Amino acid sequence: MLPTIRSVISIPAGLLRMRLKSFLIWSTIGTAAWTALLAVAGYWLGRSFREVEKVVGPLSMAVIALIIIAYIWRQLTWRRRHPD
């Protein structure tokens, strides 16, 4: 059910010669469970939007600020190392 693992799970399944029918059944079960989990989480978070926004809002702004600061720092330090 982990996103990264779901993307590459077909490689070991193929290398281990897993039967296609078994692979499709288990992949369908995993995908359905993951989708259901995301849907329930979205529904729950949507119902509690005001409370979630109190926490996520400031965190989102902090992440955006850190990205902007990192970008500016990278631009300033790169130009010093690579003058025209």
PDB file of N, CA and C in Angstrom:
ATOM      1  N   MET A   1       0.805  -1.196   0.000  1.00  0.00           N
ATOM      2  CA  MET A   1       0.000   0.000   0.000  1.00  0.00           C
ATOM      3  C   MET A   1       0.851   1.264   0.000  1.00  0.00           C
ATOM      4  N   LEU A   2       2.172   1.152   0.069  1.00  0.00           N
ATOM      5  CA  LEU A   2       3.018   2.336   0.020  1.00  0.00           C
ATOM      6  C   LEU A   2       3.168   2.806  -1.421  1.00  0.00           C
ATOM      7  N   PRO A   3       3.037   4.095  -1.673  1.00  0.00           N
ATOM      8  CA  PRO A   3       3.066   4.597  -3.051  1.00  0.00           C
ATOM      9  C   PRO A   3       4.304   4.191  -3.840  1.00  0.00           C
ATOM     10  N   THR A   4       5.486   4.292  -3.268  1.00  0.00           N
ATOM     11  CA  THR A   4       6.701   3.946  -3.997  1.00  0.00           C
ATOM     12  C   THR A   4       6.743   2.451  -4.305  1.00  0.00           C
ATOM     13  N   ILE A   5       6.395   1.656  -3.354  1.00  0.00           N
ATOM     14  CA  ILE A   5       6.419   0.203  -3.533  1.00  0.00           C
ATOM     15  C   ILE A   5       5.386  -0.218  -4.571  1.00  0.00           C
ATOM     16  N   ARG A   6       4.221   0.413  -4.556  1.00  0.00           N
ATOM     17  CA  ARG A   6       3.184   0.062  -5.530  1.00  0.00           C
ATOM     18  C   ARG A   6       3.651   0.295  -6.953  1.00  0.00           C
ATOM     19  N   SER A   7       4.529   1.291  -7.142  1.00  0.00           N
ATOM     20  CA  SER A   7       4.982   1.618  -8.492  1.00  0.00           C
ATOM     21  C   SER A   7       5.955   0.591  -9.054  1.00  0.00           C
ATOM     22  N   VAL A   8       6.720  -0.043  -8.198  1.00  0.00           N
ATOM     23  CA  VAL A   8       7.756  -0.962  -8.682  1.00  0.00           C
ATOM     24  C   VAL A   8       7.505  -2.429  -8.310  1.00  0.00           C
ATOM     25  N   ILE A   9       6.366  -2.716  -7.751  1.00  0.00           N
ATOM     26  CA  ILE A   9       6.095  -4.081  -7.284  1.00  0.00           C
ATOM     27  C   ILE A   9       6.029  -5.089  -8.427  1.00  0.00           C
ATOM     28  N   SER A  10       5.709  -4.625  -9.628  1.00  0.00           N
ATOM     29  CA  SER A  10       5.618  -5.548 -10.753  1.00  0.00           C
ATOM     30  C   SER A  10       6.978  -6.116 -11.138  1.00  0.00           C
ATOM     31  N   ILE A  11       8.065  -5.405 -10.830  1.00  0.00           N
ATOM     32  CA  ILE A  11       9.402  -5.904 -11.181  1.00  0.00           C
ATOM     33  C   ILE A  11       9.741  -7.182 -10.414  1.00  0.00           C
ATOM     34  N   PRO A  12       9.689  -7.183  -9.068  1.00  0.00           N
ATOM     35  CA  PRO A  12       9.978  -8.444  -8.378  1.00  0.00           C
ATOM     36  C   PRO A  12       8.933  -9.525  -8.669  1.00  0.00           C
ATOM     37  N   ALA A  13       7.683  -9.111  -8.895  1.00  0.00           N
ATOM     38  CA  ALA A  13       6.654 -10.107  -9.222  1.00  0.00           C
ATOM     39  C   ALA A  13       7.008 -10.802 -10.525  1.00  0.00           C
ATOM     40  N   GLY A  14       7.477 -10.057 -11.505  1.00  0.00           N
ATOM     41  CA  GLY A  14       7.877 -10.652 -12.774  1.00  0.00           C
ATOM     42  C   GLY A  14       9.127 -11.493 -12.641  1.00  0.00           C
ATOM     43  N   LEU A  15      10.112 -10.999 -11.874  1.00  0.00           N
ATOM     44  CA  LEU A  15      11.353 -11.757 -11.686  1.00  0.00           C
ATOM     45  C   LEU A  15      11.108 -13.075 -10.960  1.00  0.00           C
ATOM     46  N   LEU A  16      10.157 -13.081 -10.047  1.00  0.00           N
ATOM     47  CA  LEU A  16       9.833 -14.300  -9.299  1.00  0.00           C
ATOM     48  C   LEU A  16       8.771 -15.142 -10.001  1.00  0.00           C
ATOM     49  N   ARG A  17       8.421 -14.709 -11.210  1.00  0.00           N
ATOM     50  CA  ARG A  17       7.459 -15.437 -12.044  1.00  0.00           C
ATOM     51  C   ARG A  17       6.118 -15.665 -11.328  1.00  0.00           C
ATOM     52  N   MET A  18       5.642 -14.622 -10.694  1.00  0.00           N
ATOM     53  CA  MET A  18       4.339 -14.693 -10.044  1.00  0.00           C
ATOM     54  C   MET A  18       3.262 -14.815 -11.111  1.00  0.00           C
ATOM     55  N   ARG A  19       2.280 -15.646 -10.849  1.00  0.00           N
ATOM     56  CA  ARG A  19       1.207 -15.820 -11.824  1.00  0.00           C
ATOM     57  C   ARG A  19       0.454 -14.516 -12.011  1.00  0.00           C
ATOM     58  N   LEU A  20       0.106 -14.238 -13.261  1.00  0.00           N
ATOM     59  CA  LEU A  20      -0.578 -12.989 -13.584  1.00  0.00           C
ATOM     60  C   LEU A  20      -1.891 -12.861 -12.816  1.00  0.00           C
ATOM     61  N   LYS A  21      -2.621 -13.964 -12.718  1.00  0.00           N
ATOM     62  CA  LYS A  21      -3.906 -13.926 -12.019  1.00  0.00           C
ATOM     63  C   LYS A  21      -3.717 -13.524 -10.553  1.00  0.00           C
ATOM     64  N   SER A  22      -2.748 -14.119  -9.880  1.00  0.00           N
ATOM     65  CA  SER A  22      -2.477 -13.778  -8.478  1.00  0.00           C
ATOM     66  C   SER A  22      -2.034 -12.323  -8.349  1.00  0.00           C
ATOM     67  N   PHE A  23      -1.159 -11.913  -9.263  1.00  0.00           N
ATOM     68  CA  PHE A  23      -0.678 -10.528  -9.236  1.00  0.00           C
ATOM     69  C   PHE A  23      -1.829  -9.549  -9.389  1.00  0.00           C
ATOM     70  N   LEU A  24      -2.711  -9.800 -10.351  1.00  0.00           N
ATOM     71  CA  LEU A  24      -3.836  -8.901 -10.576  1.00  0.00           C
ATOM     72  C   LEU A  24      -4.783  -8.870  -9.383  1.00  0.00           C
ATOM     73  N   ILE A  25      -5.033 -10.016  -8.792  1.00  0.00           N
ATOM     74  CA  ILE A  25      -5.923 -10.072  -7.625  1.00  0.00           C
ATOM     75  C   ILE A  25      -5.342  -9.259  -6.470  1.00  0.00           C
ATOM     76  N   TRP A  26      -4.075  -9.531  -6.117  1.00  0.00           N
ATOM     77  CA  TRP A  26      -3.457  -8.836  -4.992  1.00  0.00           C
ATOM     78  C   TRP A  26      -3.250  -7.348  -5.278  1.00  0.00           C
ATOM     79  N   SER A  27      -2.915  -7.012  -6.507  1.00  0.00           N
ATOM     80  CA  SER A  27      -2.759  -5.602  -6.864  1.00  0.00           C
ATOM     81  C   SER A  27      -4.093  -4.871  -6.773  1.00  0.00           C
ATOM     82  N   THR A  28      -5.156  -5.523  -7.201  1.00  0.00           N
ATOM     83  CA  THR A  28      -6.488  -4.921  -7.117  1.00  0.00           C
ATOM     84  C   THR A  28      -6.900  -4.708  -5.672  1.00  0.00           C
ATOM     85  N   ILE A  29      -6.643  -5.694  -4.828  1.00  0.00           N
ATOM     86  CA  ILE A  29      -6.970  -5.561  -3.400  1.00  0.00           C
ATOM     87  C   ILE A  29      -6.178  -4.413  -2.780  1.00  0.00           C
ATOM     88  N   GLY A  30      -4.887  -4.348  -3.078  1.00  0.00           N
ATOM     89  CA  GLY A  30      -4.052  -3.281  -2.527  1.00  0.00           C
ATOM     90  C   GLY A  30      -4.475  -1.911  -3.021  1.00  0.00           C
ATOM     91  N   THR A  31      -4.772  -1.807  -4.304  1.00  0.00           N
ATOM     92  CA  THR A  31      -5.197  -0.533  -4.867  1.00  0.00           C
ATOM     93  C   THR A  31      -6.536  -0.099  -4.284  1.00  0.00           C
ATOM     94  N   ALA A  32      -7.459  -1.029  -4.151  1.00  0.00           N
ATOM     95  CA  ALA A  32      -8.768  -0.704  -3.577  1.00  0.00           C
ATOM     96  C   ALA A  32      -8.629  -0.251  -2.124  1.00  0.00           C
ATOM     97  N   ALA A  33      -7.775  -0.931  -1.359  1.00  0.00           N
ATOM     98  CA  ALA A  33      -7.572  -0.548   0.042  1.00  0.00           C
ATOM     99  C   ALA A  33      -6.944   0.839   0.132  1.00  0.00           C
ATOM    100  N   TRP A  34      -5.931   1.108  -0.697  1.00  0.00           N
ATOM    101  CA  TRP A  34      -5.273   2.413  -0.681  1.00  0.00           C
ATOM    102  C   TRP A  34      -6.245   3.522  -1.069  1.00  0.00           C
ATOM    103  N   THR A  35      -7.035   3.281  -2.099  1.00  0.00           N
ATOM    104  CA  THR A  35      -8.003   4.275  -2.552  1.00  0.00           C
ATOM    105  C   THR A  35      -9.061   4.527  -1.483  1.00  0.00           C
ATOM    106  N   ALA A  36      -9.530   3.467  -0.847  1.00  0.00           N
ATOM    107  CA  ALA A  36     -10.520   3.618   0.220  1.00  0.00           C
ATOM    108  C   ALA A  36      -9.942   4.404   1.394  1.00  0.00           C
ATOM    109  N   LEU A  37      -8.699   4.111   1.749  1.00  0.00           N
ATOM    110  CA  LEU A  37      -8.042   4.826   2.835  1.00  0.00           C
ATOM    111  C   LEU A  37      -7.927   6.316   2.516  1.00  0.00           C
ATOM    112  N   LEU A  38      -7.513   6.646   1.295  1.00  0.00           N
ATOM    113  CA  LEU A  38      -7.410   8.050   0.901  1.00  0.00           C
ATOM    114  C   LEU A  38      -8.776   8.734   0.883  1.00  0.00           C
ATOM    115  N   ALA A  39      -9.792   8.023   0.422  1.00  0.00           N
ATOM    116  CA  ALA A  39     -11.141   8.595   0.383  1.00  0.00           C
ATOM    117  C   ALA A  39     -11.652   8.869   1.793  1.00  0.00           C
ATOM    118  N   VAL A  40     -11.475   7.946   2.696  1.00  0.00           N
ATOM    119  CA  VAL A  40     -11.923   8.133   4.086  1.00  0.00           C
ATOM    120  C   VAL A  40     -11.138   9.265   4.740  1.00  0.00           C
ATOM    121  N   ALA A  41      -9.820   9.312   4.499  1.00  0.00           N
ATOM    122  CA  ALA A  41      -9.006  10.388   5.063  1.00  0.00           C
ATOM    123  C   ALA A  41      -9.460  11.740   4.519  1.00  0.00           C
ATOM    124  N   GLY A  42      -9.740  11.811   3.229  1.00  0.00           N
ATOM    125  CA  GLY A  42     -10.222  13.052   2.631  1.00  0.00           C
ATOM    126  C   GLY A  42     -11.559  13.464   3.192  1.00  0.00           C
ATOM    127  N   TYR A  43     -12.441  12.523   3.362  1.00  0.00           N
ATOM    128  CA  TYR A  43     -13.763  12.816   3.935  1.00  0.00           C
ATOM    129  C   TYR A  43     -13.622  13.328   5.369  1.00  0.00           C
ATOM    130  N   TRP A  44     -12.804  12.644   6.154  1.00  0.00           N
ATOM    131  CA  TRP A  44     -12.613  13.028   7.550  1.00  0.00           C
ATOM    132  C   TRP A  44     -11.963  14.402   7.644  1.00  0.00           C
ATOM    133  N   LEU A  45     -10.907  14.616   6.850  1.00  0.00           N
ATOM    134  CA  LEU A  45     -10.238  15.920   6.885  1.00  0.00           C
ATOM    135  C   LEU A  45     -11.159  17.025   6.371  1.00  0.00           C
ATOM    136  N   GLY A  46     -11.992  16.712   5.395  1.00  0.00           N
ATOM    137  CA  GLY A  46     -12.936  17.697   4.879  1.00  0.00           C
ATOM    138  C   GLY A  46     -13.955  18.113   5.922  1.00  0.00           C
ATOM    139  N   ARG A  47     -14.391  17.182   6.733  1.00  0.00           N
ATOM    140  CA  ARG A  47     -15.360  17.505   7.787  1.00  0.00           C
ATOM    141  C   ARG A  47     -14.720  18.316   8.905  1.00  0.00           C
ATOM    142  N   SER A  48     -13.425  18.166   9.074  1.00  0.00           N
ATOM    143  CA  SER A  48     -12.709  18.871  10.140  1.00  0.00           C
ATOM    144  C   SER A  48     -11.809  19.956   9.552  1.00  0.00           C
ATOM    145  N   PHE A  49     -12.236  20.563   8.441  1.00  0.00           N
ATOM    146  CA  PHE A  49     -11.382  21.493   7.708  1.00  0.00           C
ATOM    147  C   PHE A  49     -10.881  22.636   8.570  1.00  0.00           C
ATOM    148  N   ARG A  50     -11.732  23.213   9.369  1.00  0.00           N
ATOM    149  CA  ARG A  50     -11.330  24.372  10.195  1.00  0.00           C
ATOM    150  C   ARG A  50     -10.206  23.994  11.163  1.00  0.00           C
ATOM    151  N   GLU A  51     -10.333  22.845  11.805  1.00  0.00           N
ATOM    152  CA  GLU A  51      -9.302  22.403  12.752  1.00  0.00           C
ATOM    153  C   GLU A  51      -8.007  22.048  12.028  1.00  0.00           C
ATOM    154  N   VAL A  52      -8.139  21.391  10.889  1.00  0.00           N
ATOM    155  CA  VAL A  52      -6.958  21.004  10.112  1.00  0.00           C
ATOM    156  C   VAL A  52      -6.247  22.247   9.590  1.00  0.00           C
ATOM    157  N   GLU A  53      -7.008  23.223   9.132  1.00  0.00           N
ATOM    158  CA  GLU A  53      -6.430  24.462   8.585  1.00  0.00           C
ATOM    159  C   GLU A  53      -5.624  25.217   9.634  1.00  0.00           C
ATOM    160  N   LYS A  54      -6.030  25.120  10.897  1.00  0.00           N
ATOM    161  CA  LYS A  54      -5.296  25.787  11.971  1.00  0.00           C
ATOM    162  C   LYS A  54      -3.867  25.263  12.081  1.00  0.00           C
ATOM    163  N   VAL A  55      -3.685  23.978  11.789  1.00  0.00           N
ATOM    164  CA  VAL A  55      -2.359  23.359  11.876  1.00  0.00           C
ATOM    165  C   VAL A  55      -1.642  23.418  10.534  1.00  0.00           C
ATOM    166  N   VAL A  56      -2.336  23.030   9.480  1.00  0.00           N
ATOM    167  CA  VAL A  56      -1.713  22.920   8.163  1.00  0.00           C
ATOM    168  C   VAL A  56      -1.391  24.284   7.567  1.00  0.00           C
ATOM    169  N   GLY A  57      -2.224  25.277   7.810  1.00  0.00           N
ATOM    170  CA  GLY A  57      -1.997  26.613   7.255  1.00  0.00           C
ATOM    171  C   GLY A  57      -0.632  27.181   7.605  1.00  0.00           C
ATOM    172  N   PRO A  58      -0.314  27.302   8.894  1.00  0.00           N
ATOM    173  CA  PRO A  58       1.007  27.820   9.265  1.00  0.00           C
ATOM    174  C   PRO A  58       2.160  26.929   8.790  1.00  0.00           C
ATOM    175  N   LEU A  59       1.963  25.620   8.825  1.00  0.00           N
ATOM    176  CA  LEU A  59       3.013  24.720   8.334  1.00  0.00           C
ATOM    177  C   LEU A  59       3.252  24.913   6.839  1.00  0.00           C
ATOM    178  N   SER A  60       2.185  25.082   6.083  1.00  0.00           N
ATOM    179  CA  SER A  60       2.313  25.317   4.644  1.00  0.00           C
ATOM    180  C   SER A  60       3.090  26.599   4.378  1.00  0.00           C
ATOM    181  N   MET A  61       2.763  27.635   5.108  1.00  0.00           N
ATOM    182  CA  MET A  61       3.470  28.907   4.927  1.00  0.00           C
ATOM    183  C   MET A  61       4.940  28.776   5.305  1.00  0.00           C
ATOM    184  N   ALA A  62       5.230  28.012   6.339  1.00  0.00           N
ATOM    185  CA  ALA A  62       6.623  27.806   6.748  1.00  0.00           C
ATOM    186  C   ALA A  62       7.401  27.049   5.669  1.00  0.00           C
ATOM    187  N   VAL A  63       6.789  26.036   5.092  1.00  0.00           N
ATOM    188  CA  VAL A  63       7.445  25.272   4.027  1.00  0.00           C
ATOM    189  C   VAL A  63       7.690  26.162   2.812  1.00  0.00           C
ATOM    190  N   ILE A  64       6.706  26.954   2.432  1.00  0.00           N
ATOM    191  CA  ILE A  64       6.868  27.870   1.293  1.00  0.00           C
ATOM    192  C   ILE A  64       7.979  28.871   1.583  1.00  0.00           C
ATOM    193  N   ALA A  65       8.019  29.411   2.785  1.00  0.00           N
ATOM    194  CA  ALA A  65       9.073  30.359   3.153  1.00  0.00           C
ATOM    195  C   ALA A  65      10.448  29.703   3.088  1.00  0.00           C
ATOM    196  N   LEU A  66      10.562  28.474   3.582  1.00  0.00           N
ATOM    197  CA  LEU A  66      11.840  27.759   3.521  1.00  0.00           C
ATOM    198  C   LEU A  66      12.279  27.506   2.076  1.00  0.00           C
ATOM    199  N   ILE A  67      11.346  27.168   1.214  1.00  0.00           N
ATOM    200  CA  ILE A  67      11.674  26.943  -0.201  1.00  0.00           C
ATOM    201  C   ILE A  67      12.179  28.239  -0.832  1.00  0.00           C
ATOM    202  N   ILE A  68      11.522  29.334  -0.547  1.00  0.00           N
ATOM    203  CA  ILE A  68      11.942  30.623  -1.113  1.00  0.00           C
ATOM    204  C   ILE A  68      13.321  31.016  -0.579  1.00  0.00           C
ATOM    205  N   ILE A  69      13.540  30.859   0.712  1.00  0.00           N
ATOM    206  CA  ILE A  69      14.848  31.170   1.303  1.00  0.00           C
ATOM    207  C   ILE A  69      15.938  30.291   0.702  1.00  0.00           C
ATOM    208  N   ALA A  70      15.668  29.014   0.561  1.00  0.00           N
ATOM    209  CA  ALA A  70      16.652  28.089  -0.034  1.00  0.00           C
ATOM    210  C   ALA A  70      16.956  28.478  -1.479  1.00  0.00           C
ATOM    211  N   TYR A  71      15.946  28.865  -2.216  1.00  0.00           N
ATOM    212  CA  TYR A  71      16.143  29.272  -3.608  1.00  0.00           C
ATOM    213  C   TYR A  71      17.008  30.524  -3.694  1.00  0.00           C
ATOM    214  N   ILE A  72      16.708  31.519  -2.868  1.00  0.00           N
ATOM    215  CA  ILE A  72      17.490  32.751  -2.871  1.00  0.00           C
ATOM    216  C   ILE A  72      18.929  32.466  -2.453  1.00  0.00           C
ATOM    217  N   TRP A  73      19.102  31.674  -1.399  1.00  0.00           N
ATOM    218  CA  TRP A  73      20.446  31.311  -0.943  1.00  0.00           C
ATOM    219  C   TRP A  73      21.217  30.598  -2.046  1.00  0.00           C
ATOM    220  N   ARG A  74      20.560  29.686  -2.735  1.00  0.00           N
ATOM    221  CA  ARG A  74      21.209  28.941  -3.825  1.00  0.00           C
ATOM    222  C   ARG A  74      21.609  29.878  -4.954  1.00  0.00           C
ATOM    223  N   GLN A  75      20.754  30.814  -5.296  1.00  0.00           N
ATOM    224  CA  GLN A  75      21.071  31.767  -6.355  1.00  0.00           C
ATOM    225  C   GLN A  75      22.264  32.634  -5.965  1.00  0.00           C
ATOM    226  N   LEU A  76      22.295  33.105  -4.742  1.00  0.00           N
ATOM    227  CA  LEU A  76      23.390  33.964  -4.297  1.00  0.00           C
ATOM    228  C   LEU A  76      24.710  33.209  -4.233  1.00  0.00           C
ATOM    229  N   THR A  77      24.700  32.002  -3.698  1.00  0.00           N
ATOM    230  CA  THR A  77      25.944  31.247  -3.582  1.00  0.00           C
ATOM    231  C   THR A  77      26.413  30.725  -4.935  1.00  0.00           C
ATOM    232  N   TRP A  78      25.523  30.395  -5.825  1.00  0.00           N
ATOM    233  CA  TRP A  78      25.919  29.889  -7.138  1.00  0.00           C
ATOM    234  C   TRP A  78      26.569  30.999  -7.957  1.00  0.00           C
ATOM    235  N   ARG A  79      26.040  32.193  -7.878  1.00  0.00           N
ATOM    236  CA  ARG A  79      26.597  33.317  -8.650  1.00  0.00           C
ATOM    237  C   ARG A  79      27.990  33.686  -8.146  1.00  0.00           C
ATOM    238  N   ARG A  80      28.223  33.539  -6.866  1.00  0.00           N
ATOM    239  CA  ARG A  80      29.565  33.825  -6.327  1.00  0.00           C
ATOM    240  C   ARG A  80      30.582  32.807  -6.827  1.00  0.00           C
ATOM    241  N   ARG A  81      30.190  31.550  -6.928  1.00  0.00           N
ATOM    242  CA  ARG A  81      31.107  30.506  -7.386  1.00  0.00           C
ATOM    243  C   ARG A  81      31.299  30.504  -8.891  1.00  0.00           C
ATOM    244  N   HIS A  82      30.334  31.036  -9.625  1.00  0.00           N
ATOM    245  CA  HIS A  82      30.379  31.039 -11.088  1.00  0.00           C
ATOM    246  C   HIS A  82      30.197  32.463 -11.620  1.00  0.00           C
ATOM    247  N   PRO A  83      31.199  33.311 -11.440  1.00  0.00           N
ATOM    248  CA  PRO A  83      31.031  34.688 -11.936  1.00  0.00           C
ATOM    249  C   PRO A  83      30.994  34.701 -13.477  1.00  0.00           C
ATOM    250  N   ASP A  84      30.356  35.712 -14.008  1.00  0.00           N
ATOM    251  CA  ASP A  84      30.235  35.824 -15.469  1.00  0.00           C
ATOM    252  C   ASP A  84      31.545  36.050 -16.145  1.00  0.00           C
TER     253      ASP A  84
END
